Amino acid sequence: VRLVESGGGLVQPGGSLRLSCAASGFTFSGYAMSWHRQAPGKERELVASISFDGSGTNYADSVKGRFTISRDNAKNTVYLQMNGLKPEDTAVYYCSRPHRGYWGQGTQVTVSS
């Protein structure tokens, strides 16, 4: 199982970023996926999750209405569209396959003026 995140970077408050997670080594369309984040000095937290077929999604209260999780099973990729970014969204963002706990290496998102 391999999960590779991309799309992080530095963005000003109010800006947008789209994170991608390319999956390989398993039947991607058969598994729920999720995005998590960890800010300095804080525990890792769940940001959003999506069912195996994309029909169901869940979000942390702190990102509802601003972030959107989606997936393309033909491309073995899960996305996190982040709009209206705030400084408190600054963190390392991780892609995960919750079943048996697989994680990517993370991508840094920094929101700052």
Protein backbone atom coordinates (compact mmCIF):
# COMPACT_ATOMS: atom_id res chain seq x y z
CA VAL A 1 0.00 0.00 0.00
CA ARG A 2 1.35 3.40 -0.96
CA LEU A 3 -0.24 6.79 -0.43
CA VAL A 4 1.45 9.90 -1.82
CA GLU A 5 0.11 13.36 -1.02
CA SER A 6 0.75 16.48 -3.07
CA GLY A 7 -0.57 20.01 -3.47
CA GLY A 8 0.47 21.61 -0.21
CA GLY A 9 2.16 24.98 0.03
CA LEU A 10 1.98 28.51 1.32
CA VAL A 11 -1.26 30.41 0.82
CA GLN A 12 -2.68 33.67 2.13
CA PRO A 13 -5.71 33.70 4.44
CA GLY A 14 -8.88 33.33 2.41
CA GLY A 15 -7.07 31.43 -0.32
CA SER A 16 -7.56 27.94 -1.67
CA LEU A 17 -5.53 24.78 -2.16
CA ARG A 18 -6.34 21.38 -3.56
CA LEU A 19 -4.57 18.40 -2.05
CA SER A 20 -4.28 15.12 -3.91
CA CYS A 21 -3.46 11.65 -2.65
CA ALA A 22 -2.40 9.06 -5.19
CA ALA A 23 -2.98 5.52 -3.98
CA SER A 24 -1.43 2.30 -5.19
CA GLY A 25 -0.93 -1.28 -4.08
CA PHE A 26 -4.53 -2.07 -3.29
CA THR A 27 -8.02 -1.98 -4.83
CA PHE A 28 -8.67 1.69 -4.19
CA SER A 29 -12.37 1.58 -5.07
CA GLY A 30 -13.01 -0.89 -2.26
CA TYR A 31 -11.95 1.29 0.66
CA ALA A 32 -13.02 4.41 2.49
CA MET A 33 -10.36 7.10 2.63
CA SER A 34 -9.71 10.06 4.87
CA TRP A 35 -7.67 13.22 5.36
CA HIS A 36 -6.14 14.14 8.69
CA ARG A 37 -3.94 16.99 9.85
CA GLN A 38 -1.46 17.67 12.59
CA ALA A 39 -0.49 21.16 13.67
CA PRO A 40 2.67 21.84 15.68
CA GLY A 41 2.21 20.82 19.30
CA LYS A 42 -1.20 19.30 18.64
CA GLU A 43 -2.55 15.81 18.13
CA ARG A 44 -3.42 14.53 14.69
CA GLU A 45 -7.10 15.12 13.92
CA LEU A 46 -9.56 13.84 11.36
CA VAL A 47 -10.45 16.47 8.77
CA ALA A 48 -12.70 14.58 6.37
CA SER A 49 -13.58 11.08 5.26
CA ILE A 50 -15.27 9.57 2.21
CA SER A 51 -16.88 6.23 1.58
CA PHE A 52 -15.51 3.71 -0.90
CA ASP A 53 -17.82 4.91 -3.67
CA GLY A 54 -17.91 8.58 -2.74
CA SER A 55 -21.56 8.50 -1.74
CA GLY A 56 -20.89 9.43 1.87
CA THR A 57 -18.68 12.11 3.39
CA ASN A 58 -17.99 13.44 6.86
CA TYR A 59 -16.20 16.57 8.02
CA ALA A 60 -14.75 18.02 11.18
CA ASP A 61 -16.86 20.90 12.43
CA SER A 62 -13.92 23.24 11.97
CA VAL A 63 -13.84 22.73 8.19
CA LYS A 64 -17.51 22.20 7.31
CA GLY A 65 -18.58 24.49 4.50
CA ARG A 66 -14.98 25.27 3.54
CA PHE A 67 -13.39 21.92 2.66
CA THR A 68 -14.64 19.27 0.25
CA ILE A 69 -13.37 15.71 0.03
CA SER A 70 -13.83 13.79 -3.21
CA ARG A 71 -12.38 10.82 -5.03
CA ASP A 72 -11.81 9.54 -8.53
CA ASN A 73 -11.74 5.76 -8.43
CA ALA A 74 -10.63 5.60 -12.06
CA LYS A 75 -7.50 7.55 -11.10
CA ASN A 76 -6.98 5.95 -7.67
CA THR A 77 -6.91 9.42 -6.18
CA VAL A 78 -8.62 11.19 -3.29
CA TYR A 79 -8.76 14.98 -3.11
CA LEU A 80 -9.25 17.66 -0.50
CA GLN A 81 -10.42 21.00 -1.85
CA MET A 82 -9.73 23.66 0.76
CA ASN A 83 -11.35 27.09 0.40
CA GLY A 84 -11.47 30.02 2.76
CA LEU A 85 -8.25 28.95 4.40
CA LYS A 86 -7.44 30.32 7.83
CA PRO A 87 -4.14 30.52 9.74
CA GLU A 88 -5.46 27.83 12.08
CA ASP A 89 -5.61 25.43 9.12
CA THR A 90 -1.81 25.42 9.06
CA ALA A 91 -0.67 21.83 9.55
CA VAL A 92 0.80 18.79 7.89
CA TYR A 93 -2.02 17.07 6.04
CA TYR A 94 -2.05 13.27 5.78
CA CYS A 95 -3.98 10.93 3.56
CA SER A 96 -5.08 7.68 5.14
CA ARG A 97 -6.73 4.40 4.40
CA PRO A 98 -8.42 3.80 7.73
CA HIS A 99 -8.73 0.05 7.22
CA ARG A 100 -5.56 -1.31 8.82
CA GLY A 101 -4.21 2.19 9.26
CA TYR A 102 -2.13 3.13 6.24
CA TRP A 103 -0.76 6.67 6.01
CA GLY A 104 0.98 8.86 3.50
CA GLN A 105 4.06 10.93 4.27
CA GLY A 106 2.12 14.17 4.58
CA THR A 107 2.15 17.52 2.83
CA GLN A 108 2.66 20.88 4.56
CA VAL A 109 -0.05 23.52 4.33
CA THR A 110 0.84 26.97 5.66
CA VAL A 111 -1.72 29.76 5.77
CA SER A 112 -0.06 33.10 6.38
CA SER A 113 0.07 36.62 5.06
